Structure formats: structure tokens, C-alpha cells
């Protein structure tokens, strides 16, 4: 089960790297290629929240 979880995480992590989030509208892409501004904000807030829980 752990291997399946890691495999799924790797596959989902590779989607933005391959340009998956920029297929429809290139204006949503940012300088940091896989992350848009909203995604980066949500990601940083969730990381800080998880860090606070630990």
C-alpha cells in the first residue's frame, strides 16, 4: 500500500512539471512553472498548517 501511495504521489507530482496545468490558458501559468499564484499560496498555507500541527 505504501508503494502504491508513493507511486500515486509521484504521478500527481509530475503532472504540473509536464505542463498539465498550462494546457488551457497560458495566462494562469507563472514564472515558477508548475505553480500559479493561488496554488503557491494554498500550498504554503497548508505546509505552515501541517508544521504547526507537528
PDB file of N, CA and C in Angstrom:
ATOM      1  N   UNK A   1       0.817  -1.194   0.000  1.00  0.00           N
ATOM      2  CA  UNK A   1       0.000   0.000   0.000  1.00  0.00           C
ATOM      3  C   UNK A   1       0.865   1.263   0.000  1.00  0.00           C
ATOM      4  N   UNK A   2       1.980   1.211   0.719  1.00  0.00           N
ATOM      5  CA  UNK A   2       2.877   2.366   0.762  1.00  0.00           C
ATOM      6  C   UNK A   2       3.481   2.640  -0.618  1.00  0.00           C
ATOM      7  N   UNK A   3       3.827   1.576  -1.345  1.00  0.00           N
ATOM      8  CA  UNK A   3       4.386   1.742  -2.694  1.00  0.00           C
ATOM      9  C   UNK A   3       3.343   2.352  -3.622  1.00  0.00           C
ATOM     10  N   UNK A   4       2.092   1.925  -3.489  1.00  0.00           N
ATOM     11  CA  UNK A   4       1.025   2.480  -4.316  1.00  0.00           C
ATOM     12  C   UNK A   4       0.809   3.962  -3.993  1.00  0.00           C
ATOM     13  N   UNK A   5       0.887   4.314  -2.727  1.00  0.00           N
ATOM     14  CA  UNK A   5       0.745   5.714  -2.322  1.00  0.00           C
ATOM     15  C   UNK A   5       1.877   6.571  -2.881  1.00  0.00           C
ATOM     16  N   UNK A   6       3.109   6.071  -2.798  1.00  0.00           N
ATOM     17  CA  UNK A   6       4.251   6.795  -3.363  1.00  0.00           C
ATOM     18  C   UNK A   6       4.118   6.923  -4.881  1.00  0.00           C
ATOM     19  N   UNK A   7       3.691   5.869  -5.542  1.00  0.00           N
ATOM     20  CA  UNK A   7       3.512   5.910  -6.997  1.00  0.00           C
ATOM     21  C   UNK A   7       2.473   6.934  -7.412  1.00  0.00           C
ATOM     22  N   UNK A   8       1.363   6.960  -6.693  1.00  0.00           N
ATOM     23  CA  UNK A   8       0.320   7.943  -6.977  1.00  0.00           C
ATOM     24  C   UNK A   8       0.824   9.363  -6.744  1.00  0.00           C
ATOM     25  N   UNK A   9       1.557   9.562  -5.676  1.00  0.00           N
ATOM     26  CA  UNK A   9       2.106  10.889  -5.377  1.00  0.00           C
ATOM     27  C   UNK A   9       3.081  11.348  -6.452  1.00  0.00           C
ATOM     28  N   UNK A  10       3.916  10.443  -6.911  1.00  0.00           N
ATOM     29  CA  UNK A  10       4.878  10.791  -7.969  1.00  0.00           C
ATOM     30  C   UNK A  10       4.149  11.141  -9.254  1.00  0.00           C
ATOM     31  N   UNK A  11       3.135  10.339  -9.623  1.00  0.00           N
ATOM     32  CA  UNK A  11       2.381  10.626 -10.852  1.00  0.00           C
ATOM     33  C   UNK A  11       1.679  11.976 -10.774  1.00  0.00           C
ATOM     34  N   UNK A  12       1.039  12.258  -9.651  1.00  0.00           N
ATOM     35  CA  UNK A  12       0.357  13.544  -9.497  1.00  0.00           C
ATOM     36  C   UNK A  12       1.347  14.700  -9.421  1.00  0.00           C
ATOM     37  N   UNK A  13       2.508  14.461  -8.849  1.00  0.00           N
ATOM     38  CA  UNK A  13       3.530  15.498  -8.770  1.00  0.00           C
ATOM     39  C   UNK A  13       4.150  15.817 -10.113  1.00  0.00           C
ATOM     40  N   UNK A  14       4.163  14.849 -11.017  1.00  0.00           N
ATOM     41  CA  UNK A  14       4.759  15.070 -12.330  1.00  0.00           C
ATOM     42  C   UNK A  14       3.818  15.770 -13.306  1.00  0.00           C
ATOM     43  N   UNK A  15       2.519  15.764 -13.044  1.00  0.00           N
ATOM     44  CA  UNK A  15       1.577  16.404 -13.962  1.00  0.00           C
ATOM     45  C   UNK A  15       1.877  17.887 -14.191  1.00  0.00           C
ATOM     46  N   UNK A  16       2.066  18.714 -13.159  1.00  0.00           N
ATOM     47  CA  UNK A  16       2.378  20.122 -13.409  1.00  0.00           C
ATOM     48  C   UNK A  16       3.733  20.319 -14.081  1.00  0.00           C
ATOM     49  N   UNK A  17       4.683  19.458 -13.773  1.00  0.00           N
ATOM     50  CA  UNK A  17       6.012  19.581 -14.376  1.00  0.00           C
ATOM     51  C   UNK A  17       5.926  19.374 -15.885  1.00  0.00           C
ATOM     52  N   UNK A  18       5.002  18.518 -16.316  1.00  0.00           N
ATOM     53  CA  UNK A  18       4.832  18.246 -17.741  1.00  0.00           C
ATOM     54  C   UNK A  18       3.975  19.302 -18.429  1.00  0.00           C
ATOM     55  N   UNK A  19       3.547  20.344 -17.695  1.00  0.00           N
ATOM     56  CA  UNK A  19       2.765  21.421 -18.294  1.00  0.00           C
ATOM     57  C   UNK A  19       1.277  21.169 -18.294  1.00  0.00           C
ATOM     58  N   UNK A  20       0.815  20.232 -17.489  1.00  0.00           N
ATOM     59  CA  UNK A  20      -0.591  19.859 -17.476  1.00  0.00           C
ATOM     60  C   UNK A  20      -1.492  21.022 -17.084  1.00  0.00           C
ATOM     61  N   UNK A  21      -1.044  21.882 -16.161  1.00  0.00           N
ATOM     62  CA  UNK A  21      -1.907  22.977 -15.713  1.00  0.00           C
ATOM     63  C   UNK A  21      -1.895  24.162 -16.668  1.00  0.00           C
ATOM     64  N   UNK A  22      -1.075  24.153 -17.703  1.00  0.00           N
ATOM     65  CA  UNK A  22      -0.989  25.280 -18.637  1.00  0.00           C
ATOM     66  C   UNK A  22      -1.591  24.941 -19.998  1.00  0.00           C
ATOM     67  N   UNK A  23      -2.330  23.851 -20.103  1.00  0.00           N
ATOM     68  CA  UNK A  23      -2.848  23.438 -21.396  1.00  0.00           C
ATOM     69  C   UNK A  23      -3.962  24.345 -21.902  1.00  0.00           C
ATOM     70  N   UNK A  24      -4.829  24.807 -21.034  1.00  0.00           N
ATOM     71  CA  UNK A  24      -5.990  25.571 -21.478  1.00  0.00           C
ATOM     72  C   UNK A  24      -5.730  27.066 -21.575  1.00  0.00           C
ATOM     73  N   UNK A  25      -5.075  27.616 -20.580  1.00  0.00           N
ATOM     74  CA  UNK A  25      -4.897  29.064 -20.526  1.00  0.00           C
ATOM     75  C   UNK A  25      -3.491  29.381 -20.041  1.00  0.00           C
ATOM     76  N   UNK A  26      -2.658  29.887 -20.938  1.00  0.00           N
ATOM     77  CA  UNK A  26      -1.268  30.162 -20.573  1.00  0.00           C
ATOM     78  C   UNK A  26      -1.134  31.332 -19.607  1.00  0.00           C
ATOM     79  N   UNK A  27      -2.164  32.155 -19.475  1.00  0.00           N
ATOM     80  CA  UNK A  27      -2.073  33.286 -18.549  1.00  0.00           C
ATOM     81  C   UNK A  27      -2.128  32.826 -17.092  1.00  0.00           C
ATOM     82  N   UNK A  28      -2.598  31.593 -16.856  1.00  0.00           N
ATOM     83  CA  UNK A  28      -2.630  31.077 -15.484  1.00  0.00           C
ATOM     84  C   UNK A  28      -1.274  30.555 -15.051  1.00  0.00           C
ATOM     85  N   UNK A  29      -0.346  30.413 -15.983  1.00  0.00           N
ATOM     86  CA  UNK A  29       0.984  29.918 -15.642  1.00  0.00           C
ATOM     87  C   UNK A  29       1.802  31.047 -15.010  1.00  0.00           C
ATOM     88  N   UNK A  30       2.758  30.668 -14.201  1.00  0.00           N
ATOM     89  CA  UNK A  30       3.589  31.667 -13.547  1.00  0.00           C
ATOM     90  C   UNK A  30       5.048  31.444 -13.907  1.00  0.00           C
ATOM     91  N   UNK A  31       5.915  32.288 -13.357  1.00  0.00           N
ATOM     92  CA  UNK A  31       7.347  32.142 -13.592  1.00  0.00           C
ATOM     93  C   UNK A  31       7.842  30.823 -13.006  1.00  0.00           C
ATOM     94  N   UNK A  32       7.321  30.470 -11.835  1.00  0.00           N
ATOM     95  CA  UNK A  32       7.615  29.165 -11.255  1.00  0.00           C
ATOM     96  C   UNK A  32       6.669  28.203 -11.961  1.00  0.00           C
ATOM     97  N   UNK A  33       7.148  27.562 -12.992  1.00  0.00           N
ATOM     98  CA  UNK A  33       6.315  26.873 -13.959  1.00  0.00           C
ATOM     99  C   UNK A  33       5.174  26.029 -13.394  1.00  0.00           C
ATOM    100  N   UNK A  34       5.404  25.105 -12.476  1.00  0.00           N
ATOM    101  CA  UNK A  34       4.247  24.295 -12.085  1.00  0.00           C
ATOM    102  C   UNK A  34       3.273  24.983 -11.135  1.00  0.00           C
ATOM    103  N   UNK A  35       3.625  26.138 -10.579  1.00  0.00           N
ATOM    104  CA  UNK A  35       2.761  26.764  -9.581  1.00  0.00           C
ATOM    105  C   UNK A  35       2.219  28.103 -10.056  1.00  0.00           C
ATOM    106  N   UNK A  36       0.922  28.292  -9.920  1.00  0.00           N
ATOM    107  CA  UNK A  36       0.344  29.612 -10.124  1.00  0.00           C
ATOM    108  C   UNK A  36       0.339  30.329  -8.777  1.00  0.00           C
ATOM    109  N   UNK A  37      -0.014  31.597  -8.764  1.00  0.00           N
ATOM    110  CA  UNK A  37      -0.006  32.356  -7.508  1.00  0.00           C
ATOM    111  C   UNK A  37      -0.957  31.751  -6.478  1.00  0.00           C
ATOM    112  N   UNK A  38      -2.155  31.391  -6.908  1.00  0.00           N
ATOM    113  CA  UNK A  38      -3.130  30.825  -5.966  1.00  0.00           C
ATOM    114  C   UNK A  38      -2.666  29.472  -5.448  1.00  0.00           C
ATOM    115  N   UNK A  39      -2.126  28.645  -6.338  1.00  0.00           N
ATOM    116  CA  UNK A  39      -1.638  27.331  -5.911  1.00  0.00           C
ATOM    117  C   UNK A  39      -0.489  27.472  -4.924  1.00  0.00           C
ATOM    118  N   UNK A  40       0.407  28.407  -5.168  1.00  0.00           N
ATOM    119  CA  UNK A  40       1.544  28.600  -4.268  1.00  0.00           C
ATOM    120  C   UNK A  40       1.077  29.097  -2.903  1.00  0.00           C
ATOM    121  N   UNK A  41       0.087  29.971  -2.888  1.00  0.00           N
ATOM    122  CA  UNK A  41      -0.435  30.471  -1.616  1.00  0.00           C
ATOM    123  C   UNK A  41      -1.107  29.353  -0.827  1.00  0.00           C
ATOM    124  N   UNK A  42      -1.925  28.570  -1.480  1.00  0.00           N
ATOM    125  CA  UNK A  42      -2.601  27.456  -0.807  1.00  0.00           C
ATOM    126  C   UNK A  42      -1.591  26.437  -0.318  1.00  0.00           C
ATOM    127  N   UNK A  43      -0.591  26.159  -1.142  1.00  0.00           N
ATOM    128  CA  UNK A  43       0.441  25.194  -0.770  1.00  0.00           C
ATOM    129  C   UNK A  43       1.226  25.667   0.443  1.00  0.00           C
ATOM    130  N   UNK A  44       1.614  26.936   0.455  1.00  0.00           N
ATOM    131  CA  UNK A  44       2.394  27.434   1.591  1.00  0.00           C
ATOM    132  C   UNK A  44       1.561  27.481   2.871  1.00  0.00           C
ATOM    133  N   UNK A  45       0.293  27.844   2.761  1.00  0.00           N
ATOM    134  CA  UNK A  45      -0.577  27.853   3.942  1.00  0.00           C
ATOM    135  C   UNK A  45      -0.772  26.443   4.480  1.00  0.00           C
ATOM    136  N   UNK A  46      -0.965  25.483   3.583  1.00  0.00           N
ATOM    137  CA  UNK A  46      -1.149  24.106   4.055  1.00  0.00           C
ATOM    138  C   UNK A  46       0.129  23.563   4.684  1.00  0.00           C
ATOM    139  N   UNK A  47       1.306  23.906   4.135  1.00  0.00           N
ATOM    140  CA  UNK A  47       2.564  23.468   4.740  1.00  0.00           C
ATOM    141  C   UNK A  47       2.749  24.077   6.129  1.00  0.00           C
ATOM    142  N   UNK A  48       2.440  25.357   6.263  1.00  0.00           N
ATOM    143  CA  UNK A  48       2.560  26.003   7.568  1.00  0.00           C
ATOM    144  C   UNK A  48       1.574  25.421   8.577  1.00  0.00           C
ATOM    145  N   UNK A  49       0.384  25.093   8.123  1.00  0.00           N
ATOM    146  CA  UNK A  49      -0.606  24.481   8.997  1.00  0.00           C
ATOM    147  C   UNK A  49      -0.141  23.104   9.467  1.00  0.00           C
ATOM    148  N   UNK A  50       0.382  22.301   8.545  1.00  0.00           N
ATOM    149  CA  UNK A  50       0.891  20.973   8.914  1.00  0.00           C
ATOM    150  C   UNK A  50       2.083  21.096   9.864  1.00  0.00           C
ATOM    151  N   UNK A  51       2.930  22.081   9.627  1.00  0.00           N
ATOM    152  CA  UNK A  51       4.076  22.304  10.509  1.00  0.00           C
ATOM    153  C   UNK A  51       3.612  22.696  11.909  1.00  0.00           C
ATOM    154  N   UNK A  52       2.575  23.521  11.976  1.00  0.00           N
ATOM    155  CA  UNK A  52       2.042  23.936  13.277  1.00  0.00           C
ATOM    156  C   UNK A  52       1.418  22.757  14.024  1.00  0.00           C
ATOM    157  N   UNK A  53       0.821  21.836  13.295  1.00  0.00           N
ATOM    158  CA  UNK A  53       0.234  20.659  13.936  1.00  0.00           C
ATOM    159  C   UNK A  53       1.293  19.735  14.524  1.00  0.00           C
ATOM    160  N   UNK A  54       2.453  19.717  13.914  1.00  0.00           N
ATOM    161  CA  UNK A  54       3.520  18.840  14.411  1.00  0.00           C
ATOM    162  C   UNK A  54       4.101  19.423  15.673  1.00  0.00           C
TER     163      UNK A  54
END
